[in-house]
């Protein structure tokens, strides 16, 4: 069964890999999150991929940008990039544990405010992990989040295992509480990405933490 928000037409949510036609809509979701939800806006050293979505995600076969489309509009995003945490600002041991190339970093897990509480973030992250599991060369799935964002910590703890709580280090500056996580790698058989489309099931109000739950990719 598919699900639509109460304030939107009865149209299904479709989760699929982004195309060139989705780029502007995806960028709009990301920028709105930076300015409206995070409060610090566009930061060049953190958000270079947002400027070059095509080059970062669409042109690299080991990268992925997933979008959720509702009524022809992009309402949510999630990305996968073949990078790990950079040192600095993150600890050297963490960067060595999750090196670029073999690390699938989950990034840009954002949902427009009016489409939250419908399980979109959870569905997107699961599909991103399936992509990592079926793409040759990835050994681990990594992410870090700002736990000061409402719902972020509970959401990621429900899907991932904490690797390092960096709140005491102030990695990203005042007001940002960074915690690093790893998601278990699913055991799946590869399938053609072009054939992958998913309808989001009705998960109801239980997905109360599925909001904008990811911080940066560096």
N, C-alpha and C. Protein backbone atom coordinates (compact mmCIF):
# COMPACT_ATOMS: atom_id res chain seq x y z
N UNK A 1 0.85 -1.19 0.00
CA UNK A 1 0.00 0.00 0.00
C UNK A 1 0.89 1.23 0.00
N UNK A 2 0.42 2.25 -0.66
CA UNK A 2 1.15 3.51 -0.69
C UNK A 2 0.49 4.51 0.24
N UNK A 3 1.17 5.61 0.44
CA UNK A 3 0.69 6.55 1.45
C UNK A 3 0.92 7.98 0.99
N UNK A 4 -0.03 8.84 1.28
CA UNK A 4 0.09 10.26 0.97
C UNK A 4 -0.21 11.06 2.22
N UNK A 5 0.42 12.23 2.39
CA UNK A 5 0.16 13.05 3.57
C UNK A 5 -1.24 13.62 3.54
N UNK A 6 -1.75 13.99 4.72
CA UNK A 6 -3.11 14.48 4.82
C UNK A 6 -3.32 15.78 4.04
N UNK A 7 -2.25 16.57 3.90
CA UNK A 7 -2.40 17.87 3.25
C UNK A 7 -1.97 17.85 1.79
N UNK A 8 -1.89 16.65 1.19
CA UNK A 8 -1.47 16.54 -0.20
C UNK A 8 -2.43 15.64 -0.95
N UNK A 9 -2.45 15.73 -2.29
CA UNK A 9 -3.31 14.86 -3.07
C UNK A 9 -2.99 13.40 -2.82
N UNK A 10 -3.95 12.53 -3.10
CA UNK A 10 -3.77 11.10 -2.89
C UNK A 10 -2.88 10.53 -3.99
N UNK A 11 -1.61 10.81 -3.90
CA UNK A 11 -0.62 10.39 -4.88
C UNK A 11 0.46 9.60 -4.17
N UNK A 12 0.90 8.52 -4.77
CA UNK A 12 1.88 7.66 -4.13
C UNK A 12 3.24 8.34 -4.05
N UNK A 13 4.00 7.97 -3.04
CA UNK A 13 5.42 8.31 -2.98
C UNK A 13 6.19 7.27 -3.77
N UNK A 14 7.06 7.73 -4.64
CA UNK A 14 7.93 6.84 -5.41
C UNK A 14 9.37 7.15 -5.04
N UNK A 15 10.11 6.13 -4.63
CA UNK A 15 11.54 6.26 -4.34
C UNK A 15 12.31 5.65 -5.51
N UNK A 16 13.25 6.43 -6.07
CA UNK A 16 14.00 5.94 -7.23
C UNK A 16 15.32 6.70 -7.34
N UNK A 17 16.25 6.17 -8.14
CA UNK A 17 17.48 6.92 -8.41
C UNK A 17 17.16 8.23 -9.14
N UNK A 18 17.85 9.28 -8.79
CA UNK A 18 17.62 10.58 -9.40
C UNK A 18 18.07 10.59 -10.86
N UNK A 19 17.40 11.41 -11.65
CA UNK A 19 17.79 11.68 -13.03
C UNK A 19 18.15 13.16 -13.14
N UNK A 20 18.63 13.55 -14.31
CA UNK A 20 18.96 14.96 -14.52
C UNK A 20 17.75 15.85 -14.27
N UNK A 21 16.57 15.35 -14.61
CA UNK A 21 15.36 16.14 -14.42
C UNK A 21 15.05 16.40 -12.95
N UNK A 22 15.63 15.60 -12.06
CA UNK A 22 15.37 15.75 -10.62
C UNK A 22 16.36 16.68 -9.93
N UNK A 23 17.39 17.12 -10.63
CA UNK A 23 18.50 17.82 -9.97
C UNK A 23 18.05 19.08 -9.26
N UNK A 24 17.30 19.93 -9.92
CA UNK A 24 16.89 21.19 -9.29
C UNK A 24 15.99 20.94 -8.09
N UNK A 25 15.08 19.99 -8.21
CA UNK A 25 14.21 19.67 -7.09
C UNK A 25 14.98 19.12 -5.91
N UNK A 26 15.95 18.25 -6.17
CA UNK A 26 16.77 17.70 -5.10
C UNK A 26 17.60 18.79 -4.43
N UNK A 27 18.19 19.67 -5.24
CA UNK A 27 18.98 20.76 -4.69
C UNK A 27 18.12 21.67 -3.82
N UNK A 28 16.89 21.90 -4.23
CA UNK A 28 15.99 22.75 -3.45
C UNK A 28 15.71 22.13 -2.08
N UNK A 29 15.48 20.82 -2.04
CA UNK A 29 15.26 20.15 -0.76
C UNK A 29 16.48 20.30 0.15
N UNK A 30 17.67 20.12 -0.42
CA UNK A 30 18.90 20.22 0.37
C UNK A 30 19.11 21.63 0.91
N UNK A 31 18.99 22.63 0.04
CA UNK A 31 19.21 24.01 0.48
C UNK A 31 18.17 24.46 1.49
N UNK A 32 16.93 24.07 1.29
CA UNK A 32 15.89 24.40 2.27
C UNK A 32 16.24 23.82 3.63
N UNK A 33 16.79 22.62 3.64
CA UNK A 33 17.18 21.99 4.91
C UNK A 33 18.30 22.77 5.58
N UNK A 34 19.30 23.17 4.80
CA UNK A 34 20.43 23.92 5.37
C UNK A 34 19.96 25.22 6.02
N UNK A 35 19.06 25.93 5.34
CA UNK A 35 18.66 27.25 5.81
C UNK A 35 17.54 27.20 6.84
N UNK A 36 16.54 26.36 6.61
CA UNK A 36 15.36 26.38 7.46
C UNK A 36 15.49 25.46 8.67
N UNK A 37 16.12 24.32 8.49
CA UNK A 37 16.21 23.35 9.58
C UNK A 37 17.51 23.46 10.36
N UNK A 38 18.63 23.59 9.66
CA UNK A 38 19.92 23.63 10.34
C UNK A 38 20.31 25.03 10.77
N UNK A 39 19.82 26.05 10.05
CA UNK A 39 20.04 27.42 10.47
C UNK A 39 21.37 28.03 10.08
N UNK A 40 22.25 27.26 9.43
CA UNK A 40 23.54 27.84 9.06
C UNK A 40 23.70 28.04 7.56
N UNK A 41 22.75 27.60 6.77
CA UNK A 41 22.79 27.86 5.34
C UNK A 41 23.85 27.06 4.60
N UNK A 42 24.14 27.51 3.40
CA UNK A 42 25.11 26.82 2.53
C UNK A 42 26.53 27.09 3.01
N UNK A 43 27.29 26.02 3.24
CA UNK A 43 28.69 26.11 3.66
C UNK A 43 29.53 25.42 2.59
N UNK A 44 30.32 26.17 1.82
CA UNK A 44 31.03 25.59 0.66
C UNK A 44 31.85 24.35 0.99
N UNK A 45 32.58 24.37 2.10
CA UNK A 45 33.44 23.22 2.40
C UNK A 45 32.66 21.98 2.80
N UNK A 46 31.41 22.12 3.16
CA UNK A 46 30.57 20.98 3.49
C UNK A 46 29.66 20.56 2.35
N UNK A 47 29.31 21.47 1.47
CA UNK A 47 28.18 21.26 0.56
C UNK A 47 28.55 21.34 -0.91
N UNK A 48 29.77 21.02 -1.26
CA UNK A 48 30.18 21.11 -2.67
C UNK A 48 29.34 20.21 -3.57
N UNK A 49 28.93 19.06 -3.06
CA UNK A 49 28.15 18.13 -3.87
C UNK A 49 26.80 18.71 -4.27
N UNK A 50 26.29 19.62 -3.46
CA UNK A 50 24.97 20.20 -3.76
C UNK A 50 25.04 21.08 -5.00
N UNK A 51 26.18 21.72 -5.21
CA UNK A 51 26.38 22.54 -6.41
C UNK A 51 26.51 21.67 -7.64
N UNK A 52 27.24 20.57 -7.52
CA UNK A 52 27.50 19.69 -8.66
C UNK A 52 26.87 18.32 -8.42
N UNK A 53 25.56 18.28 -8.39
CA UNK A 53 24.85 17.02 -8.16
C UNK A 53 25.10 16.04 -9.29
N UNK A 54 25.10 16.51 -10.52
CA UNK A 54 25.31 15.61 -11.66
C UNK A 54 26.69 14.98 -11.59
N UNK A 55 27.72 15.79 -11.43
CA UNK A 55 29.07 15.26 -11.38
C UNK A 55 29.33 14.38 -10.18
N UNK A 56 28.73 14.74 -9.05
CA UNK A 56 28.97 13.99 -7.82
C UNK A 56 28.23 12.67 -7.80
N UNK A 57 26.98 12.68 -8.16
CA UNK A 57 26.13 11.50 -7.97
C UNK A 57 25.76 10.78 -9.27
N UNK A 58 25.34 11.52 -10.28
CA UNK A 58 24.78 10.88 -11.46
C UNK A 58 25.85 10.33 -12.39
N UNK A 59 27.03 10.95 -12.42
CA UNK A 59 28.08 10.52 -13.35
C UNK A 59 29.01 9.48 -12.77
N UNK A 60 28.90 9.19 -11.50
CA UNK A 60 29.78 8.21 -10.85
C UNK A 60 28.98 6.94 -10.56
N UNK A 61 29.32 5.81 -11.17
CA UNK A 61 28.53 4.59 -10.99
C UNK A 61 28.58 4.03 -9.58
N UNK A 62 29.54 4.46 -8.77
CA UNK A 62 29.62 3.98 -7.40
C UNK A 62 28.97 4.94 -6.41
N UNK A 63 28.45 6.04 -6.93
CA UNK A 63 27.69 6.98 -6.11
C UNK A 63 26.22 6.88 -6.49
N UNK A 64 25.37 7.40 -5.61
CA UNK A 64 23.93 7.31 -5.84
C UNK A 64 23.24 8.49 -5.18
N UNK A 65 22.27 9.05 -5.88
CA UNK A 65 21.33 9.98 -5.26
C UNK A 65 19.94 9.40 -5.44
N UNK A 66 19.29 9.10 -4.34
CA UNK A 66 17.90 8.67 -4.36
C UNK A 66 16.99 9.86 -4.10
N UNK A 67 15.86 9.87 -4.76
CA UNK A 67 14.85 10.89 -4.50
C UNK A 67 13.52 10.21 -4.23
N UNK A 68 12.72 10.88 -3.43
CA UNK A 68 11.32 10.50 -3.29
C UNK A 68 10.50 11.53 -4.04
N UNK A 69 9.66 11.06 -4.94
CA UNK A 69 8.84 11.93 -5.77
C UNK A 69 7.38 11.75 -5.38
N UNK A 70 6.69 12.87 -5.22
CA UNK A 70 5.27 12.85 -4.86
C UNK A 70 4.56 13.88 -5.71
N UNK A 71 3.64 13.44 -6.54
CA UNK A 71 2.93 14.37 -7.40
C UNK A 71 3.83 15.12 -8.34
N UNK A 72 4.91 14.48 -8.79
CA UNK A 72 5.85 15.11 -9.71
C UNK A 72 6.89 15.99 -9.06
N UNK A 73 6.88 16.09 -7.74
CA UNK A 73 7.81 16.95 -7.01
C UNK A 73 8.78 16.11 -6.19
N UNK A 74 10.06 16.50 -6.18
CA UNK A 74 11.03 15.86 -5.30
C UNK A 74 10.79 16.36 -3.88
N UNK A 75 10.52 15.44 -2.95
CA UNK A 75 10.20 15.83 -1.58
C UNK A 75 11.19 15.27 -0.56
N UNK A 76 12.12 14.42 -1.00
CA UNK A 76 13.10 13.86 -0.08
C UNK A 76 14.30 13.36 -0.87
N UNK A 77 15.45 13.31 -0.20
CA UNK A 77 16.69 12.88 -0.84
C UNK A 77 17.50 12.01 0.11
N UNK A 78 18.37 11.19 -0.47
CA UNK A 78 19.41 10.48 0.26
C UNK A 78 20.51 10.13 -0.73
N UNK A 79 21.76 10.31 -0.31
CA UNK A 79 22.88 10.03 -1.19
C UNK A 79 23.81 8.97 -0.63
N UNK A 80 24.61 8.39 -1.52
CA UNK A 80 25.71 7.50 -1.16
C UNK A 80 26.94 7.98 -1.90
N UNK A 81 28.04 8.16 -1.16
CA UNK A 81 29.30 8.58 -1.76
C UNK A 81 30.42 7.69 -1.28
N UNK A 82 31.40 7.49 -2.15
CA UNK A 82 32.52 6.62 -1.85
C UNK A 82 33.62 7.39 -1.13
N UNK A 83 33.27 7.90 0.04
CA UNK A 83 34.20 8.68 0.85
C UNK A 83 34.02 8.32 2.31
N UNK A 84 35.04 8.59 3.10
CA UNK A 84 34.95 8.41 4.53
C UNK A 84 35.07 9.74 5.24
N UNK A 85 35.13 9.73 6.56
CA UNK A 85 35.30 10.97 7.31
C UNK A 85 36.70 11.54 7.10
N UNK A 86 36.77 12.82 6.85
CA UNK A 86 38.06 13.46 6.58
C UNK A 86 38.80 13.79 7.87
N UNK A 87 40.11 13.66 7.81
CA UNK A 87 40.97 14.08 8.93
C UNK A 87 41.89 15.20 8.45
N UNK A 88 41.86 16.40 9.11
CA UNK A 88 40.85 16.85 10.07
C UNK A 88 39.52 17.18 9.36
N UNK A 89 38.43 17.42 10.07
CA UNK A 89 38.33 17.64 11.51
C UNK A 89 38.16 16.37 12.34
N UNK A 90 37.90 15.24 11.68
CA UNK A 90 37.63 14.01 12.42
C UNK A 90 38.93 13.33 12.82
N UNK A 91 38.91 12.45 13.82
CA UNK A 91 40.13 11.79 14.29
C UNK A 91 40.78 10.95 13.19
N UNK A 92 42.10 10.85 13.25
CA UNK A 92 42.83 10.07 12.26
C UNK A 92 42.40 8.60 12.26
N UNK A 93 42.21 8.04 13.46
CA UNK A 93 41.85 6.63 13.52
C UNK A 93 40.51 6.37 12.85
N UNK A 94 39.60 7.34 12.92
CA UNK A 94 38.29 7.18 12.29
C UNK A 94 38.43 7.23 10.78
N UNK A 95 39.23 8.16 10.28
CA UNK A 95 39.47 8.25 8.84
C UNK A 95 40.14 6.99 8.31
N UNK A 96 41.03 6.40 9.09
CA UNK A 96 41.70 5.17 8.67
C UNK A 96 40.75 3.97 8.71
N UNK A 97 39.83 3.98 9.64
CA UNK A 97 38.86 2.88 9.73
C UNK A 97 37.88 2.90 8.56
N UNK A 98 37.55 4.11 8.09
CA UNK A 98 36.58 4.24 6.99
C UNK A 98 37.24 4.99 5.83
N UNK A 99 38.11 4.33 5.08
CA UNK A 99 38.83 5.01 4.00
C UNK A 99 37.95 5.23 2.78
N UNK A 100 38.26 6.22 1.96
CA UNK A 100 37.54 6.39 0.69
C UNK A 100 37.76 5.19 -0.19
N UNK A 101 36.79 4.93 -1.04
CA UNK A 101 36.89 3.79 -1.95
C UNK A 101 36.15 2.58 -1.46
N UNK A 102 36.41 2.17 -0.22
CA UNK A 102 35.72 1.00 0.33
C UNK A 102 34.61 1.39 1.30
N UNK A 103 34.47 2.68 1.58
CA UNK A 103 33.43 3.16 2.49
C UNK A 103 32.29 3.78 1.70
N UNK A 104 31.09 3.33 1.94
CA UNK A 104 29.89 3.96 1.39
C UNK A 104 29.33 4.88 2.46
N UNK A 105 29.48 6.18 2.26
CA UNK A 105 28.96 7.13 3.24
C UNK A 105 27.55 7.57 2.84
N UNK A 106 26.62 7.43 3.76
CA UNK A 106 25.23 7.86 3.55
C UNK A 106 25.15 9.35 3.88
N UNK A 107 24.62 10.12 2.95
CA UNK A 107 24.58 11.57 3.09
C UNK A 107 23.23 12.12 2.63
N UNK A 108 22.96 13.36 2.99
CA UNK A 108 21.82 14.14 2.48
C UNK A 108 20.47 13.45 2.70
N UNK A 109 20.28 12.92 3.91
CA UNK A 109 18.99 12.29 4.24
C UNK A 109 18.05 13.38 4.71
N UNK A 110 17.33 13.96 3.76
CA UNK A 110 16.49 15.12 4.03
C UNK A 110 15.07 14.88 3.50
N UNK A 111 14.08 15.33 4.28
CA UNK A 111 12.67 15.22 3.90
C UNK A 111 12.02 16.58 4.09
N UNK A 112 11.30 17.05 3.10
CA UNK A 112 10.58 18.32 3.24
C UNK A 112 9.61 18.24 4.41
N UNK A 113 9.47 19.36 5.11
CA UNK A 113 8.73 19.37 6.37
C UNK A 113 7.32 18.81 6.24
N UNK A 114 6.63 19.18 5.18
CA UNK A 114 5.23 18.76 5.04
C UNK A 114 5.08 17.30 4.66
N UNK A 115 6.18 16.61 4.39
CA UNK A 115 6.12 15.20 4.01
C UNK A 115 6.79 14.30 5.04
N UNK A 116 7.06 14.83 6.21
CA UNK A 116 7.68 14.02 7.26
C UNK A 116 6.64 13.17 7.98
N UNK A 117 7.14 12.26 8.79
CA UNK A 117 6.31 11.34 9.60
C UNK A 117 5.61 10.29 8.75
N UNK A 118 6.19 9.96 7.60
CA UNK A 118 5.61 8.94 6.73
C UNK A 118 6.61 7.85 6.36
N UNK A 119 7.71 7.76 7.07
CA UNK A 119 8.67 6.69 6.83
C UNK A 119 9.58 6.88 5.64
N UNK A 120 9.62 8.08 5.08
CA UNK A 120 10.41 8.29 3.87
C UNK A 120 11.90 8.14 4.14
N UNK A 121 12.40 8.76 5.21
CA UNK A 121 13.84 8.68 5.51
C UNK A 121 14.27 7.24 5.73
N UNK A 122 13.49 6.49 6.47
CA UNK A 122 13.84 5.09 6.74
C UNK A 122 13.88 4.28 5.45
N UNK A 123 12.90 4.49 4.58
CA UNK A 123 12.89 3.78 3.31
C UNK A 123 14.09 4.16 2.46
N UNK A 124 14.40 5.44 2.39
CA UNK A 124 15.54 5.90 1.60
C UNK A 124 16.85 5.32 2.11
N UNK A 125 17.04 5.31 3.41
CA UNK A 125 18.29 4.77 3.96
C UNK A 125 18.41 3.28 3.67
N UNK A 126 17.33 2.56 3.80
CA UNK A 126 17.39 1.12 3.49
C UNK A 126 17.75 0.88 2.03
N UNK A 127 17.19 1.67 1.14
CA UNK A 127 17.52 1.51 -0.28
C UNK A 127 18.97 1.92 -0.55
N UNK A 128 19.44 2.94 0.13
CA UNK A 128 20.84 3.33 -0.01
C UNK A 128 21.77 2.22 0.45
N UNK A 129 21.41 1.55 1.53
CA UNK A 129 22.23 0.43 2.01
C UNK A 129 22.18 -0.74 1.04
N UNK A 130 21.05 -0.97 0.41
CA UNK A 130 20.97 -2.02 -0.61
C UNK A 130 21.91 -1.71 -1.77
N UNK A 131 21.96 -0.44 -2.16
CA UNK A 131 22.87 -0.04 -3.23
C UNK A 131 24.31 -0.32 -2.83
N UNK A 132 24.69 0.06 -1.61
CA UNK A 132 26.06 -0.18 -1.15
C UNK A 132 26.38 -1.67 -1.13
N UNK A 133 25.42 -2.46 -0.71
CA UNK A 133 25.65 -3.90 -0.60
C UNK A 133 25.80 -4.58 -1.95
N UNK A 134 25.21 -4.00 -2.98
CA UNK A 134 25.23 -4.63 -4.30
C UNK A 134 26.17 -3.92 -5.27
N UNK A 135 26.94 -2.97 -4.77
CA UNK A 135 27.94 -2.28 -5.59
C UNK A 135 29.32 -2.82 -5.22
N UNK A 136 30.06 -3.38 -6.15
CA UNK A 136 31.36 -3.98 -5.82
C UNK A 136 32.32 -2.98 -5.18
N UNK A 137 33.04 -3.45 -4.18
CA UNK A 137 34.10 -2.66 -3.57
C UNK A 137 33.79 -2.03 -2.24
N UNK A 138 32.51 -1.99 -1.86
CA UNK A 138 32.17 -1.38 -0.58
C UNK A 138 32.25 -2.42 0.54
N UNK A 139 32.96 -2.06 1.61
CA UNK A 139 33.10 -2.94 2.77
C UNK A 139 32.28 -2.48 3.97
N UNK A 140 31.94 -1.20 4.02
CA UNK A 140 31.23 -0.67 5.19
C UNK A 140 30.33 0.48 4.78
N UNK A 141 29.32 0.73 5.61
CA UNK A 141 28.39 1.84 5.42
C UNK A 141 28.51 2.76 6.63
N UNK A 142 28.88 3.99 6.37
CA UNK A 142 29.22 4.94 7.44
C UNK A 142 28.39 6.22 7.29
N UNK A 143 28.18 6.90 8.41
CA UNK A 143 27.57 8.22 8.38
C UNK A 143 27.91 8.94 9.67
N UNK A 144 27.75 10.24 9.67
CA UNK A 144 27.75 10.99 10.92
C UNK A 144 26.60 11.98 10.90
N UNK A 145 26.12 12.32 12.07
CA UNK A 145 24.93 13.15 12.18
C UNK A 145 25.10 14.19 13.28
N UNK A 146 24.30 15.21 13.21
CA UNK A 146 24.23 16.22 14.26
C UNK A 146 23.07 15.85 15.17
N UNK A 147 23.38 15.35 16.35
CA UNK A 147 22.32 14.87 17.24
C UNK A 147 21.53 16.01 17.87
N UNK A 148 21.94 17.26 17.63
CA UNK A 148 21.16 18.39 18.11
C UNK A 148 19.94 18.65 17.21
N UNK A 149 19.93 18.05 16.02
CA UNK A 149 18.76 18.14 15.16
C UNK A 149 17.68 17.23 15.73
N UNK A 150 16.48 17.76 15.89
CA UNK A 150 15.40 17.01 16.51
C UNK A 150 15.16 15.68 15.80
N UNK A 151 15.17 14.60 16.56
CA UNK A 151 14.88 13.28 16.02
C UNK A 151 16.05 12.54 15.43
N UNK A 152 17.16 13.24 15.18
CA UNK A 152 18.28 12.61 14.46
C UNK A 152 18.89 11.46 15.24
N UNK A 153 19.18 11.67 16.51
CA UNK A 153 19.87 10.64 17.28
C UNK A 153 19.02 9.38 17.41
N UNK A 154 17.75 9.54 17.75
CA UNK A 154 16.88 8.38 17.90
C UNK A 154 16.73 7.62 16.58
N UNK A 155 16.61 8.37 15.50
CA UNK A 155 16.47 7.72 14.19
C UNK A 155 17.68 6.86 13.87
N UNK A 156 18.88 7.43 13.98
CA UNK A 156 20.06 6.68 13.59
C UNK A 156 20.36 5.55 14.56
N UNK A 157 20.06 5.72 15.83
CA UNK A 157 20.29 4.62 16.77
C UNK A 157 19.35 3.46 16.50
N UNK A 158 18.24 3.71 15.82
CA UNK A 158 17.32 2.63 15.47
C UNK A 158 17.78 1.85 14.25
N UNK A 159 18.77 2.38 13.52
CA UNK A 159 19.21 1.74 12.29
C UNK A 159 20.70 1.42 12.27
N UNK A 160 21.47 2.02 13.15
CA UNK A 160 22.93 1.96 13.05
C UNK A 160 23.55 1.78 14.43
N UNK A 161 24.85 1.48 14.43
CA UNK A 161 25.61 1.30 15.67
C UNK A 161 26.57 2.47 15.84
N UNK A 162 26.58 3.05 17.03
CA UNK A 162 27.50 4.15 17.30
C UNK A 162 28.95 3.67 17.23
N UNK A 163 29.77 4.47 16.56
CA UNK A 163 31.20 4.20 16.47
C UNK A 163 31.99 5.17 17.35
N UNK A 164 31.56 6.43 17.36
CA UNK A 164 32.30 7.45 18.12
C UNK A 164 31.39 8.63 18.40
N UNK A 165 31.28 8.99 19.67
CA UNK A 165 30.53 10.18 20.07
C UNK A 165 31.52 11.33 20.18
N UNK A 166 31.44 12.25 19.22
CA UNK A 166 32.41 13.34 19.14
C UNK A 166 31.88 14.64 19.71
N UNK A 167 30.82 14.58 20.49
CA UNK A 167 30.24 15.83 21.00
C UNK A 167 31.23 16.61 21.86
N UNK A 168 32.09 15.92 22.57
CA UNK A 168 33.03 16.63 23.44
C UNK A 168 34.18 17.26 22.68
N UNK A 169 34.38 16.86 21.42
CA UNK A 169 35.52 17.37 20.65
C UNK A 169 35.19 18.64 19.89
N UNK A 170 33.90 18.91 19.67
CA UNK A 170 33.52 20.11 18.93
C UNK A 170 34.00 20.11 17.49
N UNK A 171 33.93 18.96 16.83
CA UNK A 171 34.47 18.81 15.47
C UNK A 171 33.95 19.85 14.49
N UNK A 172 32.66 20.11 14.54
CA UNK A 172 32.05 21.00 13.56
C UNK A 172 31.71 22.38 14.13
N UNK A 173 32.25 22.69 15.29
CA UNK A 173 32.04 24.01 15.85
C UNK A 173 30.91 24.07 16.86
N UNK A 174 30.69 25.23 17.47
CA UNK A 174 29.66 25.39 18.50
C UNK A 174 28.27 25.06 17.97
N UNK A 175 27.48 24.41 18.80
CA UNK A 175 26.11 24.11 18.45
C UNK A 175 25.90 22.87 17.62
N UNK A 176 26.98 22.17 17.28
CA UNK A 176 26.87 20.96 16.46
C UNK A 176 27.38 19.78 17.28
N UNK A 177 26.52 18.80 17.50
CA UNK A 177 26.90 17.60 18.24
C UNK A 177 27.04 16.43 17.31
N UNK A 178 28.27 16.09 16.94
CA UNK A 178 28.52 15.06 15.93
C UNK A 178 28.68 13.69 16.59
N UNK A 179 27.95 12.72 16.06
CA UNK A 179 28.11 11.32 16.46
C UNK A 179 28.27 10.51 15.19
N UNK A 180 29.23 9.59 15.19
CA UNK A 180 29.55 8.77 14.03
C UNK A 180 28.91 7.39 14.19
N UNK A 181 28.37 6.86 13.09
CA UNK A 181 27.67 5.59 13.11
C UNK A 181 28.12 4.70 11.96
N UNK A 182 27.90 3.39 12.13
CA UNK A 182 28.04 2.43 11.04
C UNK A 182 26.75 1.62 10.95
N UNK A 183 26.29 1.42 9.72
CA UNK A 183 25.11 0.59 9.46
C UNK A 183 25.58 -0.77 8.98
N UNK A 184 25.04 -1.86 9.51
CA UNK A 184 25.44 -3.18 9.04
C UNK A 184 25.20 -3.33 7.54
N UNK A 185 26.14 -3.94 6.86
CA UNK A 185 26.04 -4.15 5.42
C UNK A 185 25.04 -5.28 5.14
N UNK A 186 23.98 -5.02 4.39
CA UNK A 186 23.04 -6.09 4.04
C UNK A 186 23.72 -7.14 3.15
N UNK A 187 23.21 -8.35 3.18
CA UNK A 187 23.70 -9.41 2.32
C UNK A 187 22.69 -9.61 1.19
N UNK A 188 23.01 -9.06 0.03
CA UNK A 188 22.07 -9.05 -1.09
C UNK A 188 22.76 -9.46 -2.37
N UNK A 189 21.96 -9.89 -3.35
CA UNK A 189 22.44 -10.21 -4.68
C UNK A 189 22.31 -8.97 -5.56
N UNK A 190 23.35 -8.60 -6.32
CA UNK A 190 23.26 -7.41 -7.16
C UNK A 190 22.08 -7.46 -8.12
N UNK A 191 21.47 -6.29 -8.35
CA UNK A 191 20.38 -6.15 -9.32
C UNK A 191 20.61 -4.87 -10.09
N UNK A 192 20.16 -4.79 -11.35
CA UNK A 192 20.36 -3.57 -12.14
C UNK A 192 19.71 -2.37 -11.47
N UNK A 193 20.49 -1.31 -11.25
CA UNK A 193 19.97 -0.13 -10.57
C UNK A 193 18.86 0.52 -11.37
N UNK A 194 18.97 0.49 -12.69
CA UNK A 194 17.98 1.17 -13.52
C UNK A 194 16.59 0.60 -13.34
N UNK A 195 16.51 -0.64 -12.87
CA UNK A 195 15.21 -1.29 -12.73
C UNK A 195 14.59 -1.05 -11.36
N UNK A 196 15.28 -0.34 -10.48
CA UNK A 196 14.83 -0.22 -9.10
C UNK A 196 13.91 0.98 -8.92
N UNK A 197 12.68 0.71 -8.53
CA UNK A 197 11.72 1.73 -8.12
C UNK A 197 10.95 1.15 -6.95
N UNK A 198 10.62 1.98 -5.99
CA UNK A 198 9.93 1.48 -4.82
C UNK A 198 8.76 2.38 -4.48
N UNK A 199 7.63 1.76 -4.12
CA UNK A 199 6.52 2.49 -3.54
C UNK A 199 6.70 2.44 -2.02
N UNK A 200 6.49 3.54 -1.35
CA UNK A 200 6.68 3.59 0.09
C UNK A 200 5.41 3.08 0.75
N UNK A 201 5.52 2.08 1.64
CA UNK A 201 4.34 1.56 2.33
C UNK A 201 3.82 2.54 3.36
N UNK A 202 2.59 2.32 3.79
CA UNK A 202 2.00 3.15 4.82
C UNK A 202 2.58 2.74 6.16
N UNK A 203 3.52 3.55 6.68
CA UNK A 203 4.16 3.25 7.95
C UNK A 203 3.53 4.04 9.10
N UNK A 204 2.61 4.90 8.77
CA UNK A 204 1.85 5.60 9.79
C UNK A 204 2.68 6.53 10.66
N UNK A 205 2.13 6.87 11.80
CA UNK A 205 2.75 7.85 12.68
C UNK A 205 3.93 7.29 13.46
N UNK A 206 4.19 5.98 13.37
CA UNK A 206 5.29 5.41 14.14
C UNK A 206 6.64 5.96 13.71
N UNK A 207 6.73 6.49 12.49
CA UNK A 207 8.01 6.99 12.01
C UNK A 207 8.19 8.44 12.41
N UNK A 208 8.05 8.72 13.68
CA UNK A 208 8.04 10.10 14.14
C UNK A 208 9.40 10.76 14.08
N UNK A 209 10.48 9.99 13.88
CA UNK A 209 11.81 10.58 13.85
C UNK A 209 12.35 10.72 12.45
N UNK A 210 11.58 10.41 11.42
CA UNK A 210 12.07 10.47 10.05
C UNK A 210 12.01 11.89 9.53
N UNK A 211 13.02 12.68 9.84
CA UNK A 211 13.04 14.07 9.43
C UNK A 211 14.29 14.34 8.59
N UNK A 212 14.90 15.47 8.82
CA UNK A 212 16.20 15.78 8.22
C UNK A 212 17.24 15.29 9.22
N UNK A 213 17.87 14.18 8.92
CA UNK A 213 18.59 13.45 9.97
C UNK A 213 20.07 13.28 9.67
N UNK A 214 20.61 14.03 8.74
CA UNK A 214 22.02 13.87 8.38
C UNK A 214 22.68 15.23 8.37
N UNK A 215 23.99 15.26 8.63
CA UNK A 215 24.66 16.55 8.76
C UNK A 215 25.46 16.92 7.54
N UNK A 216 26.67 16.40 7.40
CA UNK A 216 27.55 16.75 6.29
C UNK A 216 28.22 15.50 5.78
N UNK A 217 29.05 15.66 4.77
CA UNK A 217 29.71 14.49 4.20
C UNK A 217 31.21 14.51 4.35
N UNK A 218 31.76 15.55 4.97
CA UNK A 218 33.22 15.65 5.03
C UNK A 218 33.78 14.89 6.22
